[in-house]
Amino acid sequence: MTPSELINFASNYKYNEKAPVAYSYYDKVCEMNVSVLLVKTVDLGKGKIGGITNQFLCWGGTYTYFEMTRGNLQSIAVVAEVVAGRATNYANWETVSNPGSELTRDMLVSVAKAISKHIN
């Protein structure tokens, strides 16, 4: 999935309150606990799987696309990430130049576990 495809997904995504939580953390800027939801999983074939997470912060939203080798939690990698500010109702999607740079190894593994558990 390219950044432009992720922007298209994010623009058309309908909120699902049943989406599983991939990980949670405390955001100091927003002064709130943030739950990062796994909003899509996909079987990419040839032993690869992918997933998209979504988080809403006080300033806007972020969608992140991950890929990994099925069964290998350590192989997870961030492929693309897009963000949008709340002011324009998420119409101003922008790509992140260094996607996933703020994620710790534990956060990545949590996402990998969620993708593995919820893949169709």
N, C-alpha and C. Protein backbone atom coordinates (compact mmCIF):
# COMPACT_ATOMS: atom_id res chain seq x y z
N MET A 1 0.84 -1.18 0.00
CA MET A 1 0.00 0.00 0.00
C MET A 1 0.89 1.24 0.00
N THR A 2 0.62 2.12 -0.94
CA THR A 2 1.39 3.36 -1.04
C THR A 2 0.77 4.43 -0.14
N PRO A 3 1.51 5.51 0.12
CA PRO A 3 0.92 6.60 0.91
C PRO A 3 -0.38 7.14 0.31
N SER A 4 -0.45 7.24 -1.02
CA SER A 4 -1.68 7.76 -1.63
C SER A 4 -2.84 6.78 -1.44
N GLU A 5 -2.56 5.48 -1.50
CA GLU A 5 -3.60 4.49 -1.24
C GLU A 5 -4.06 4.56 0.21
N LEU A 6 -3.11 4.82 1.13
CA LEU A 6 -3.46 4.94 2.55
C LEU A 6 -4.30 6.19 2.79
N ILE A 7 -3.97 7.27 2.11
CA ILE A 7 -4.78 8.49 2.20
C ILE A 7 -6.20 8.22 1.73
N ASN A 8 -6.33 7.49 0.62
CA ASN A 8 -7.65 7.14 0.10
C ASN A 8 -8.43 6.30 1.11
N PHE A 9 -7.75 5.30 1.71
CA PHE A 9 -8.40 4.48 2.73
C PHE A 9 -8.85 5.35 3.91
N ALA A 10 -7.94 6.20 4.39
CA ALA A 10 -8.25 7.04 5.55
C ALA A 10 -9.42 7.98 5.27
N SER A 11 -9.47 8.50 4.06
CA SER A 11 -10.55 9.43 3.69
C SER A 11 -11.91 8.75 3.66
N ASN A 12 -11.91 7.45 3.35
CA ASN A 12 -13.17 6.73 3.21
C ASN A 12 -13.50 5.81 4.38
N TYR A 13 -12.61 5.74 5.36
CA TYR A 13 -12.81 4.82 6.48
C TYR A 13 -14.01 5.24 7.32
N LYS A 14 -14.86 4.28 7.63
CA LYS A 14 -15.99 4.52 8.52
C LYS A 14 -15.64 3.97 9.90
N TYR A 15 -15.77 4.78 10.91
CA TYR A 15 -15.38 4.41 12.27
C TYR A 15 -16.05 3.12 12.72
N ASN A 16 -15.28 2.24 13.32
CA ASN A 16 -15.78 0.97 13.82
C ASN A 16 -15.42 0.86 15.29
N GLU A 17 -16.40 1.00 16.16
CA GLU A 17 -16.11 0.97 17.60
C GLU A 17 -15.72 -0.42 18.08
N LYS A 18 -15.89 -1.43 17.24
CA LYS A 18 -15.50 -2.79 17.61
C LYS A 18 -14.07 -3.13 17.17
N ALA A 19 -13.39 -2.20 16.54
CA ALA A 19 -12.02 -2.46 16.10
C ALA A 19 -11.15 -2.78 17.31
N PRO A 20 -10.30 -3.81 17.20
CA PRO A 20 -9.46 -4.19 18.33
C PRO A 20 -8.36 -3.15 18.61
N VAL A 21 -7.96 -3.06 19.86
CA VAL A 21 -6.88 -2.15 20.25
C VAL A 21 -5.55 -2.85 20.05
N ALA A 22 -4.67 -2.25 19.25
CA ALA A 22 -3.34 -2.82 19.01
C ALA A 22 -2.41 -2.49 20.17
N TYR A 23 -2.48 -1.25 20.67
CA TYR A 23 -1.73 -0.83 21.85
C TYR A 23 -2.31 0.48 22.36
N SER A 24 -1.98 0.82 23.59
CA SER A 24 -2.41 2.09 24.19
C SER A 24 -1.20 2.76 24.81
N TYR A 25 -1.28 4.07 24.93
CA TYR A 25 -0.20 4.82 25.56
C TYR A 25 -0.75 6.16 26.07
N TYR A 26 0.03 6.80 26.92
CA TYR A 26 -0.36 8.11 27.44
C TYR A 26 0.32 9.19 26.61
N ASP A 27 -0.46 10.09 26.04
CA ASP A 27 0.08 11.19 25.25
C ASP A 27 0.22 12.42 26.14
N LYS A 28 1.45 12.87 26.31
CA LYS A 28 1.72 14.01 27.21
C LYS A 28 1.16 15.31 26.67
N VAL A 29 1.21 15.50 25.35
CA VAL A 29 0.74 16.74 24.75
C VAL A 29 -0.77 16.89 24.92
N CYS A 30 -1.49 15.81 24.62
CA CYS A 30 -2.95 15.85 24.73
C CYS A 30 -3.44 15.56 26.15
N GLU A 31 -2.52 15.08 27.01
CA GLU A 31 -2.84 14.73 28.39
C GLU A 31 -4.01 13.75 28.45
N MET A 32 -3.86 12.65 27.70
CA MET A 32 -4.91 11.65 27.66
C MET A 32 -4.33 10.30 27.26
N ASN A 33 -5.05 9.24 27.65
CA ASN A 33 -4.69 7.90 27.19
C ASN A 33 -5.23 7.72 25.78
N VAL A 34 -4.39 7.19 24.91
CA VAL A 34 -4.74 7.00 23.51
C VAL A 34 -4.75 5.52 23.18
N SER A 35 -5.85 5.04 22.62
CA SER A 35 -5.94 3.67 22.15
C SER A 35 -5.73 3.67 20.64
N VAL A 36 -4.77 2.88 20.18
CA VAL A 36 -4.48 2.77 18.76
C VAL A 36 -5.21 1.53 18.24
N LEU A 37 -6.15 1.73 17.34
CA LEU A 37 -7.01 0.65 16.87
C LEU A 37 -6.49 0.00 15.60
N LEU A 38 -6.62 -1.30 15.50
CA LEU A 38 -6.33 -2.02 14.27
C LEU A 38 -7.60 -2.01 13.44
N VAL A 39 -7.61 -1.22 12.36
CA VAL A 39 -8.86 -1.00 11.62
C VAL A 39 -8.96 -1.82 10.34
N LYS A 40 -7.87 -2.46 9.91
CA LYS A 40 -7.92 -3.31 8.72
C LYS A 40 -6.78 -4.30 8.77
N THR A 41 -7.05 -5.53 8.36
CA THR A 41 -6.00 -6.53 8.15
C THR A 41 -6.14 -7.04 6.73
N VAL A 42 -5.04 -7.50 6.15
CA VAL A 42 -5.07 -7.98 4.78
C VAL A 42 -4.03 -9.07 4.60
N ASP A 43 -4.41 -10.12 3.86
CA ASP A 43 -3.49 -11.18 3.49
C ASP A 43 -2.87 -10.79 2.15
N LEU A 44 -1.58 -10.54 2.14
CA LEU A 44 -0.90 -10.06 0.93
C LEU A 44 -0.40 -11.19 0.05
N GLY A 45 -0.56 -12.44 0.51
CA GLY A 45 -0.08 -13.58 -0.25
C GLY A 45 1.41 -13.80 -0.04
N LYS A 46 1.90 -14.94 -0.47
CA LYS A 46 3.33 -15.29 -0.37
C LYS A 46 3.85 -15.15 1.06
N GLY A 47 3.00 -15.47 2.04
CA GLY A 47 3.42 -15.45 3.44
C GLY A 47 3.48 -14.09 4.09
N LYS A 48 2.99 -13.05 3.41
CA LYS A 48 3.01 -11.70 3.96
C LYS A 48 1.61 -11.28 4.37
N ILE A 49 1.51 -10.55 5.47
CA ILE A 49 0.24 -9.99 5.91
C ILE A 49 0.44 -8.51 6.24
N GLY A 50 -0.64 -7.78 6.27
CA GLY A 50 -0.55 -6.36 6.54
C GLY A 50 -1.69 -5.89 7.43
N GLY A 51 -1.57 -4.68 7.92
CA GLY A 51 -2.60 -4.11 8.76
C GLY A 51 -2.51 -2.60 8.81
N ILE A 52 -3.63 -1.98 9.11
CA ILE A 52 -3.68 -0.52 9.24
C ILE A 52 -4.18 -0.18 10.64
N THR A 53 -3.47 0.69 11.32
CA THR A 53 -3.94 1.19 12.62
C THR A 53 -4.42 2.63 12.47
N ASN A 54 -5.23 3.03 13.43
CA ASN A 54 -5.77 4.38 13.45
C ASN A 54 -5.73 4.91 14.88
N GLN A 55 -5.25 6.12 15.04
CA GLN A 55 -5.32 6.76 16.35
C GLN A 55 -5.81 8.18 16.20
N PHE A 56 -6.67 8.60 17.13
CA PHE A 56 -7.15 9.98 17.16
C PHE A 56 -6.56 10.67 18.37
N LEU A 57 -5.93 11.80 18.13
CA LEU A 57 -5.34 12.62 19.19
C LEU A 57 -6.13 13.92 19.29
N CYS A 58 -5.71 14.78 20.21
CA CYS A 58 -6.43 16.04 20.40
C CYS A 58 -6.34 16.94 19.17
N TRP A 59 -5.29 16.77 18.36
CA TRP A 59 -5.07 17.64 17.20
C TRP A 59 -5.54 17.03 15.88
N GLY A 60 -5.78 15.72 15.84
CA GLY A 60 -6.18 15.11 14.58
C GLY A 60 -6.02 13.61 14.61
N GLY A 61 -5.79 13.02 13.44
CA GLY A 61 -5.73 11.57 13.35
C GLY A 61 -4.53 11.08 12.57
N THR A 62 -4.15 9.83 12.83
CA THR A 62 -3.02 9.20 12.14
C THR A 62 -3.41 7.79 11.73
N TYR A 63 -3.11 7.43 10.49
CA TYR A 63 -3.27 6.06 10.01
C TYR A 63 -1.88 5.54 9.64
N THR A 64 -1.58 4.32 10.06
CA THR A 64 -0.28 3.72 9.79
C THR A 64 -0.48 2.35 9.16
N TYR A 65 0.27 2.07 8.10
CA TYR A 65 0.18 0.79 7.40
C TYR A 65 1.44 -0.03 7.69
N PHE A 66 1.23 -1.28 8.10
CA PHE A 66 2.31 -2.20 8.46
C PHE A 66 2.29 -3.42 7.55
N GLU A 67 3.47 -4.02 7.35
CA GLU A 67 3.57 -5.31 6.69
C GLU A 67 4.49 -6.20 7.51
N MET A 68 4.28 -7.51 7.43
CA MET A 68 5.13 -8.46 8.14
C MET A 68 5.01 -9.83 7.49
N THR A 69 5.95 -10.69 7.84
CA THR A 69 5.90 -12.09 7.42
C THR A 69 5.00 -12.83 8.40
N ARG A 70 4.06 -13.59 7.85
CA ARG A 70 3.13 -14.33 8.70
C ARG A 70 3.91 -15.21 9.68
N GLY A 71 3.56 -15.11 10.97
CA GLY A 71 4.18 -15.93 12.00
C GLY A 71 5.48 -15.37 12.57
N ASN A 72 5.99 -14.29 12.01
CA ASN A 72 7.24 -13.70 12.51
C ASN A 72 6.95 -12.29 13.02
N LEU A 73 6.66 -12.19 14.32
CA LEU A 73 6.29 -10.89 14.91
C LEU A 73 7.40 -9.86 14.80
N GLN A 74 8.65 -10.31 14.80
CA GLN A 74 9.78 -9.38 14.74
C GLN A 74 9.98 -8.78 13.35
N SER A 75 9.32 -9.34 12.35
CA SER A 75 9.52 -8.85 10.98
C SER A 75 8.65 -7.65 10.65
N ILE A 76 7.83 -7.21 11.57
CA ILE A 76 6.90 -6.12 11.27
C ILE A 76 7.66 -4.83 10.94
N ALA A 77 7.15 -4.13 9.94
CA ALA A 77 7.76 -2.87 9.52
C ALA A 77 6.66 -1.89 9.13
N VAL A 78 6.92 -0.61 9.36
CA VAL A 78 5.99 0.44 8.96
C VAL A 78 6.29 0.79 7.50
N VAL A 79 5.26 0.78 6.67
CA VAL A 79 5.43 1.06 5.25
C VAL A 79 5.00 2.49 4.92
N ALA A 80 3.89 2.93 5.49
CA ALA A 80 3.37 4.27 5.18
C ALA A 80 2.56 4.79 6.36
N GLU A 81 2.54 6.12 6.49
CA GLU A 81 1.78 6.75 7.57
C GLU A 81 1.26 8.08 7.06
N VAL A 82 0.00 8.39 7.37
CA VAL A 82 -0.58 9.66 6.98
C VAL A 82 -1.24 10.30 8.19
N VAL A 83 -1.24 11.63 8.20
CA VAL A 83 -1.84 12.37 9.31
C VAL A 83 -2.76 13.46 8.76
N ALA A 84 -3.71 13.87 9.57
CA ALA A 84 -4.59 14.97 9.20
C ALA A 84 -5.02 15.72 10.44
N GLY A 85 -5.13 17.03 10.32
CA GLY A 85 -5.57 17.85 11.44
C GLY A 85 -7.07 17.91 11.54
N ARG A 86 -7.54 18.12 12.74
CA ARG A 86 -8.97 18.15 13.02
C ARG A 86 -9.68 19.35 12.38
N ALA A 87 -8.97 20.45 12.18
CA ALA A 87 -9.59 21.70 11.75
C ALA A 87 -10.31 21.59 10.41
N THR A 88 -9.80 20.77 9.51
CA THR A 88 -10.43 20.70 8.18
C THR A 88 -11.16 19.37 7.98
N ASN A 89 -11.63 18.81 9.08
CA ASN A 89 -12.38 17.56 9.02
C ASN A 89 -11.63 16.46 8.29
N TYR A 90 -10.33 16.37 8.53
CA TYR A 90 -9.49 15.32 7.98
C TYR A 90 -9.41 15.34 6.46
N ALA A 91 -9.55 16.52 5.88
CA ALA A 91 -9.44 16.62 4.43
C ALA A 91 -8.00 16.88 3.99
N ASN A 92 -7.15 17.27 4.92
CA ASN A 92 -5.79 17.66 4.56
C ASN A 92 -4.78 16.55 4.88
N TRP A 93 -4.99 15.36 4.33
CA TRP A 93 -4.10 14.24 4.61
C TRP A 93 -2.71 14.50 4.05
N GLU A 94 -1.70 14.22 4.87
CA GLU A 94 -0.30 14.38 4.46
C GLU A 94 0.47 13.13 4.82
N THR A 95 1.45 12.78 4.01
CA THR A 95 2.29 11.63 4.32
C THR A 95 3.33 12.01 5.36
N VAL A 96 3.76 11.05 6.14
CA VAL A 96 4.81 11.25 7.14
C VAL A 96 6.12 10.79 6.53
N SER A 97 7.14 11.65 6.57
CA SER A 97 8.39 11.35 5.88
C SER A 97 9.17 10.21 6.51
N ASN A 98 9.05 10.01 7.81
CA ASN A 98 9.75 8.91 8.48
C ASN A 98 8.71 8.11 9.26
N PRO A 99 7.89 7.32 8.56
CA PRO A 99 6.76 6.66 9.21
C PRO A 99 7.18 5.69 10.31
N GLY A 100 6.44 5.75 11.41
CA GLY A 100 6.68 4.82 12.52
C GLY A 100 7.88 5.15 13.37
N SER A 101 8.50 6.29 13.16
CA SER A 101 9.73 6.62 13.89
C SER A 101 9.50 6.76 15.40
N GLU A 102 8.27 7.05 15.81
CA GLU A 102 7.98 7.22 17.23
C GLU A 102 7.58 5.91 17.92
N LEU A 103 7.49 4.83 17.15
CA LEU A 103 7.06 3.56 17.71
C LEU A 103 8.22 2.79 18.33
N THR A 104 8.00 2.27 19.52
CA THR A 104 9.01 1.43 20.17
C THR A 104 8.87 0.01 19.63
N ARG A 105 9.86 -0.84 19.90
CA ARG A 105 9.80 -2.23 19.49
C ARG A 105 8.59 -2.92 20.12
N ASP A 106 8.29 -2.60 21.39
CA ASP A 106 7.14 -3.20 22.07
C ASP A 106 5.82 -2.82 21.38
N MET A 107 5.71 -1.55 20.96
CA MET A 107 4.50 -1.12 20.24
C MET A 107 4.37 -1.88 18.92
N LEU A 108 5.49 -2.02 18.20
CA LEU A 108 5.47 -2.73 16.92
C LEU A 108 5.05 -4.19 17.11
N VAL A 109 5.60 -4.83 18.14
CA VAL A 109 5.25 -6.23 18.40
C VAL A 109 3.77 -6.35 18.79
N SER A 110 3.26 -5.36 19.53
CA SER A 110 1.83 -5.37 19.88
C SER A 110 0.97 -5.30 18.63
N VAL A 111 1.37 -4.46 17.67
CA VAL A 111 0.64 -4.38 16.41
C VAL A 111 0.74 -5.71 15.67
N ALA A 112 1.94 -6.29 15.64
CA ALA A 112 2.14 -7.58 14.97
C ALA A 112 1.24 -8.66 15.57
N LYS A 113 1.14 -8.69 16.89
CA LYS A 113 0.26 -9.67 17.54
C LYS A 113 -1.19 -9.44 17.16
N ALA A 114 -1.61 -8.17 17.13
CA ALA A 114 -3.00 -7.86 16.78
C ALA A 114 -3.30 -8.26 15.34
N ILE A 115 -2.37 -7.98 14.43
CA ILE A 115 -2.58 -8.36 13.03
C ILE A 115 -2.68 -9.88 12.91
N SER A 116 -1.76 -10.59 13.57
CA SER A 116 -1.76 -12.06 13.50
C SER A 116 -3.05 -12.64 14.04
N LYS A 117 -3.57 -12.04 15.10
CA LYS A 117 -4.78 -12.55 15.74
C LYS A 117 -6.03 -12.29 14.91
N HIS A 118 -6.05 -11.17 14.19
CA HIS A 118 -7.28 -10.74 13.51
C HIS A 118 -7.24 -10.89 11.99
N ILE A 119 -6.19 -11.49 11.46
CA ILE A 119 -6.12 -11.66 10.01
C ILE A 119 -7.20 -12.65 9.57
N ASN A 120 -7.82 -12.34 8.46
CA ASN A 120 -8.91 -13.22 7.96
C ASN A 120 -8.34 -14.46 7.32
